[in-house]
Structure formats: structure tokens, C-alpha cells
C-alpha atoms as a PDB file:
ATOM      1  CA  MET A   1       7.388 -78.703  17.860  1.00  0.00           C
ATOM      2  CA  LYS A   2      10.291 -80.508  16.194  1.00  0.00           C
ATOM      3  CA  LYS A   3      11.675 -77.212  14.913  1.00  0.00           C
ATOM      4  CA  LEU A   4      11.576 -75.740  18.409  1.00  0.00           C
ATOM      5  CA  LEU A   5      13.398 -78.738  19.847  1.00  0.00           C
ATOM      6  CA  VAL A   6      16.048 -78.630  17.113  1.00  0.00           C
ATOM      7  CA  LEU A   7      16.465 -74.887  17.655  1.00  0.00           C
ATOM      8  CA  ALA A   8      16.883 -75.367  21.410  1.00  0.00           C
ATOM      9  CA  LEU A   9      19.464 -78.107  20.896  1.00  0.00           C
ATOM     10  CA  ALA A  10      21.355 -76.013  18.350  1.00  0.00           C
ATOM     11  CA  VAL A  11      21.455 -73.005  20.661  1.00  0.00           C
ATOM     12  CA  PHE A  12      22.575 -75.141  23.589  1.00  0.00           C
ATOM     13  CA  GLY A  13      25.255 -76.916  21.573  1.00  0.00           C
ATOM     14  CA  PHE A  14      26.565 -73.748  20.000  1.00  0.00           C
ATOM     15  CA  GLY A  15      26.588 -71.897  23.298  1.00  0.00           C
ATOM     16  CA  THR A  16      28.435 -74.697  25.023  1.00  0.00           C
ATOM     17  CA  ALA A  17      31.116 -74.777  22.335  1.00  0.00           C
ATOM     18  CA  LEU A  18      31.752 -71.042  22.492  1.00  0.00           C
ATOM     19  CA  PHE A  19      33.219 -71.097  25.983  1.00  0.00           C
ATOM     20  CA  ALA A  20      35.284 -74.247  25.676  1.00  0.00           C
ATOM     21  CA  GLU A  21      38.554 -72.732  26.940  1.00  0.00           C
ATOM     22  CA  SER A  22      38.076 -69.427  28.787  1.00  0.00           C
ATOM     23  CA  PRO A  23      35.759 -66.408  28.808  1.00  0.00           C
ATOM     24  CA  CYS A  24      38.214 -64.525  26.623  1.00  0.00           C
ATOM     25  CA  SER A  25      38.191 -67.311  24.050  1.00  0.00           C
ATOM     26  CA  PHE A  26      34.524 -66.521  23.416  1.00  0.00           C
ATOM     27  CA  ILE A  27      35.474 -63.316  21.572  1.00  0.00           C
ATOM     28  CA  TYR A  28      38.129 -65.133  19.545  1.00  0.00           C
ATOM     29  CA  LYS A  29      35.828 -68.089  18.886  1.00  0.00           C
ATOM     30  CA  LEU A  30      33.378 -65.830  17.031  1.00  0.00           C
ATOM     31  CA  ASN A  31      36.116 -65.246  14.439  1.00  0.00           C
ATOM     32  CA  ASP A  32      36.849 -68.938  14.063  1.00  0.00           C
ATOM     33  CA  GLU A  33      35.862 -69.950  10.534  1.00  0.00           C
ATOM     34  CA  LYS A  34      33.886 -73.035  11.529  1.00  0.00           C
ATOM     35  CA  THR A  35      32.067 -71.250  14.357  1.00  0.00           C
ATOM     36  CA  PHE A  36      31.311 -68.278  12.154  1.00  0.00           C
ATOM     37  CA  GLU A  37      29.906 -70.588   9.460  1.00  0.00           C
ATOM     38  CA  LYS A  38      27.601 -72.249  11.992  1.00  0.00           C
ATOM     39  CA  LEU A  39      26.531 -68.932  13.454  1.00  0.00           C
ATOM     40  CA  SER A  40      25.817 -67.540   9.982  1.00  0.00           C
ATOM     41  CA  TYR A  41      23.745 -70.595   9.138  1.00  0.00           C
ATOM     42  CA  PHE A  42      21.885 -70.476  12.454  1.00  0.00           C
ATOM     43  CA  LEU A  43      21.063 -66.782  12.036  1.00  0.00           C
ATOM     44  CA  ARG A  44      20.339 -67.222   8.310  1.00  0.00           C
ATOM     45  CA  VAL A  45      22.288 -64.113   7.332  1.00  0.00           C
ATOM     46  CA  ASP A  46      22.704 -62.937   3.763  1.00  0.00           C
ATOM     47  CA  SER A  47      26.095 -62.194   2.223  1.00  0.00           C
ATOM     48  CA  GLU A  48      26.049 -58.499   3.145  1.00  0.00           C
ATOM     49  CA  GLN A  49      25.138 -59.247   6.763  1.00  0.00           C
ATOM     50  CA  ARG A  50      27.788 -61.939   6.821  1.00  0.00           C
ATOM     51  CA  GLU A  51      30.528 -59.528   5.768  1.00  0.00           C
ATOM     52  CA  SER A  52      29.336 -56.930   8.265  1.00  0.00           C
ATOM     53  CA  LEU A  53      29.271 -59.437  11.115  1.00  0.00           C
ATOM     54  CA  GLN A  54      32.754 -60.640  10.228  1.00  0.00           C
ATOM     55  CA  PHE A  55      33.972 -57.047  10.375  1.00  0.00           C
ATOM     56  CA  VAL A  56      32.246 -56.476  13.739  1.00  0.00           C
ATOM     57  CA  PHE A  57      33.758 -59.636  15.255  1.00  0.00           C
ATOM     58  CA  ASN A  58      37.229 -58.724  13.975  1.00  0.00           C
ATOM     59  CA  GLU A  59      36.928 -55.228  15.415  1.00  0.00           C
ATOM     60  CA  ALA A  60      35.762 -56.599  18.775  1.00  0.00           C
ATOM     61  CA  GLU A  61      38.789 -58.876  18.881  1.00  0.00           C
ATOM     62  CA  LYS A  62      41.095 -55.952  18.061  1.00  0.00           C
ATOM     63  CA  ARG A  63      39.491 -53.837  20.778  1.00  0.00           C
ATOM     64  CA  LEU A  64      39.897 -56.650  23.306  1.00  0.00           C
ATOM     65  CA  GLU A  65      43.579 -56.998  22.469  1.00  0.00           C
ATOM     66  CA  LYS A  66      44.078 -53.228  22.591  1.00  0.00           C
ATOM     67  CA  GLU A  67      42.379 -52.923  25.991  1.00  0.00           C
ATOM     68  CA  THR A  68      44.339 -55.789  27.523  1.00  0.00           C
ATOM     69  CA  ALA A  69      47.588 -54.405  26.081  1.00  0.00           C
ATOM     70  CA  LYS A  70      46.847 -51.107  27.812  1.00  0.00           C
ATOM     71  CA  GLY A  71      46.587 -53.023  31.081  1.00  0.00           C
ATOM     72  CA  ALA A  72      42.815 -53.043  31.449  1.00  0.00           C
ATOM     73  CA  VAL A  73      41.205 -55.621  33.697  1.00  0.00           C
ATOM     74  CA  LEU A  74      40.390 -58.666  31.568  1.00  0.00           C
ATOM     75  CA  GLY A  75      36.766 -58.831  32.713  1.00  0.00           C
ATOM     76  CA  GLU A  76      36.155 -55.209  31.780  1.00  0.00           C
ATOM     77  CA  ALA A  77      37.859 -55.633  28.407  1.00  0.00           C
ATOM     78  CA  ILE A  78      35.723 -58.708  27.660  1.00  0.00           C
ATOM     79  CA  ASN A  79      32.555 -56.846  28.645  1.00  0.00           C
ATOM     80  CA  LYS A  80      33.446 -53.964  26.347  1.00  0.00           C
ATOM     81  CA  ALA A  81      34.075 -56.374  23.470  1.00  0.00           C
ATOM     82  CA  ILE A  82      30.763 -58.159  24.092  1.00  0.00           C
ATOM     83  CA  TYR A  83      28.847 -54.873  24.243  1.00  0.00           C
ATOM     84  CA  PHE A  84      30.589 -53.767  21.054  1.00  0.00           C
ATOM     85  CA  ASN A  85      29.461 -57.001  19.361  1.00  0.00           C
ATOM     86  CA  LEU A  86      25.900 -56.617  20.613  1.00  0.00           C
ATOM     87  CA  ALA A  87      25.525 -52.977  19.621  1.00  0.00           C
ATOM     88  CA  ASN A  88      26.904 -53.464  16.147  1.00  0.00           C
ATOM     89  CA  ALA A  89      25.151 -56.764  15.525  1.00  0.00           C
ATOM     90  CA  LYS A  90      21.865 -55.039  16.335  1.00  0.00           C
ATOM     91  CA  ALA A  91      22.527 -52.581  13.508  1.00  0.00           C
ATOM     92  CA  VAL A  92      23.313 -55.412  11.066  1.00  0.00           C
ATOM     93  CA  LEU A  93      20.749 -58.086  11.910  1.00  0.00           C
ATOM     94  CA  SER A  94      16.973 -58.166  11.699  1.00  0.00           C
ATOM     95  CA  GLU A  95      15.024 -58.203  14.952  1.00  0.00           C
ATOM     96  CA  GLU A  96      14.537 -61.986  14.850  1.00  0.00           C
ATOM     97  CA  GLN A  97      18.177 -62.639  13.970  1.00  0.00           C
ATOM     98  CA  TYR A  98      19.321 -60.320  16.750  1.00  0.00           C
ATOM     99  CA  ARG A  99      17.158 -62.132  19.319  1.00  0.00           C
ATOM    100  CA  LYS A 100      18.786 -65.406  18.292  1.00  0.00           C
ATOM    101  CA  PHE A 101      22.239 -63.842  18.499  1.00  0.00           C
ATOM    102  CA  VAL A 102      21.568 -62.449  21.984  1.00  0.00           C
ATOM    103  CA  SER A 103      20.256 -65.818  23.155  1.00  0.00           C
ATOM    104  CA  ILE A 104      23.499 -67.473  22.042  1.00  0.00           C
ATOM    105  CA  ILE A 105      25.596 -64.814  23.762  1.00  0.00           C
ATOM    106  CA  ASN A 106      23.572 -65.145  26.983  1.00  0.00           C
ATOM    107  CA  LEU A 107      23.676 -68.913  26.912  1.00  0.00           C
ATOM    108  CA  SER A 108      27.425 -68.850  26.388  1.00  0.00           C
ATOM    109  CA  ILE A 109      28.023 -66.412  29.232  1.00  0.00           C
ATOM    110  CA  ASN A 110      25.726 -68.274  31.622  1.00  0.00           C
ATOM    111  CA  ASN A 111      27.357 -71.564  30.711  1.00  0.00           C
ATOM    112  CA  GLU A 112      30.793 -70.176  31.540  1.00  0.00           C
ATOM    113  CA  ASN A 113      29.576 -68.716  34.839  1.00  0.00           C
ATOM    114  CA  GLU A 114      28.170 -72.098  35.854  1.00  0.00           C
ATOM    115  CA  ARG A 115      31.395 -73.812  34.855  1.00  0.00           C
ATOM    116  CA  GLU A 116      33.391 -71.402  37.026  1.00  0.00           C
ATOM    117  CA  LEU A 117      31.087 -72.021  39.991  1.00  0.00           C
ATOM    118  CA  LEU A 118      31.450 -75.779  39.635  1.00  0.00           C
ATOM    119  CA  ALA A 119      35.202 -75.508  39.331  1.00  0.00           C
ATOM    120  CA  ALA A 120      35.347 -73.450  42.530  1.00  0.00           C
ATOM    121  CA  LYS A 121      33.630 -76.208  44.563  1.00  0.00           C
END
């Protein structure tokens, strides 16, 4: 029971920190050294998975920048980067690790959506 509570708090805390500035910062935050360290620890990745994830996150950031430079709508560019992360992370991570990763992504996105709704009031 304690492990479940600690896991829930870790997911909530990590998800909240990911969207601190803007939705776009979420993609960049995954490449932040401190955030990446925490994510790696949370997912319990090995060194090979760690390198692969770092590559995936870097590529997603590059794709986001490339799409926005071409004049794409920011929301669409962010969605493409997120889907790129999800698809490639699925190939790198185990099933359990991937479920944890998706839960963090979902929590982060939902947290930002709620923040936007509250700001609009």
C-alpha cells in the first residue's frame, strides 16, 4: 500500500512539474537533465534504454522545432511530437515501463488542460 501511495505521489509530482511553463515546454522538459534523470529512475530503465530514450526525446524536440519553423500550428506540432515520443518509447520500453510513461504523459497533458481552463475563468 505504501508503494502504491509513493508511486501515485511521484507520478503526480512529476506530471505537475512537466507543464510548469507552457504545453510546448513539456517536450523540451523531457530533455532537461534533471527531469530526464528522474524519469529514468521512475521508469527504472537500463543504460541502453536510457540512451535510446534520450535520442527519442531529442528527435521529438527537433521535429517540434522543424514543424513550427515551417509555420505549422503549434498544437498540431506538439501533438506530432508527443505521438513520436509515445510510438518510439513503446519500442524501447517494456510493457510495464511504457504504461508508467503513458500515465505521466497523460497526467501532464490533463494537468495543463485543467490549468488552461482555470486561467480562462
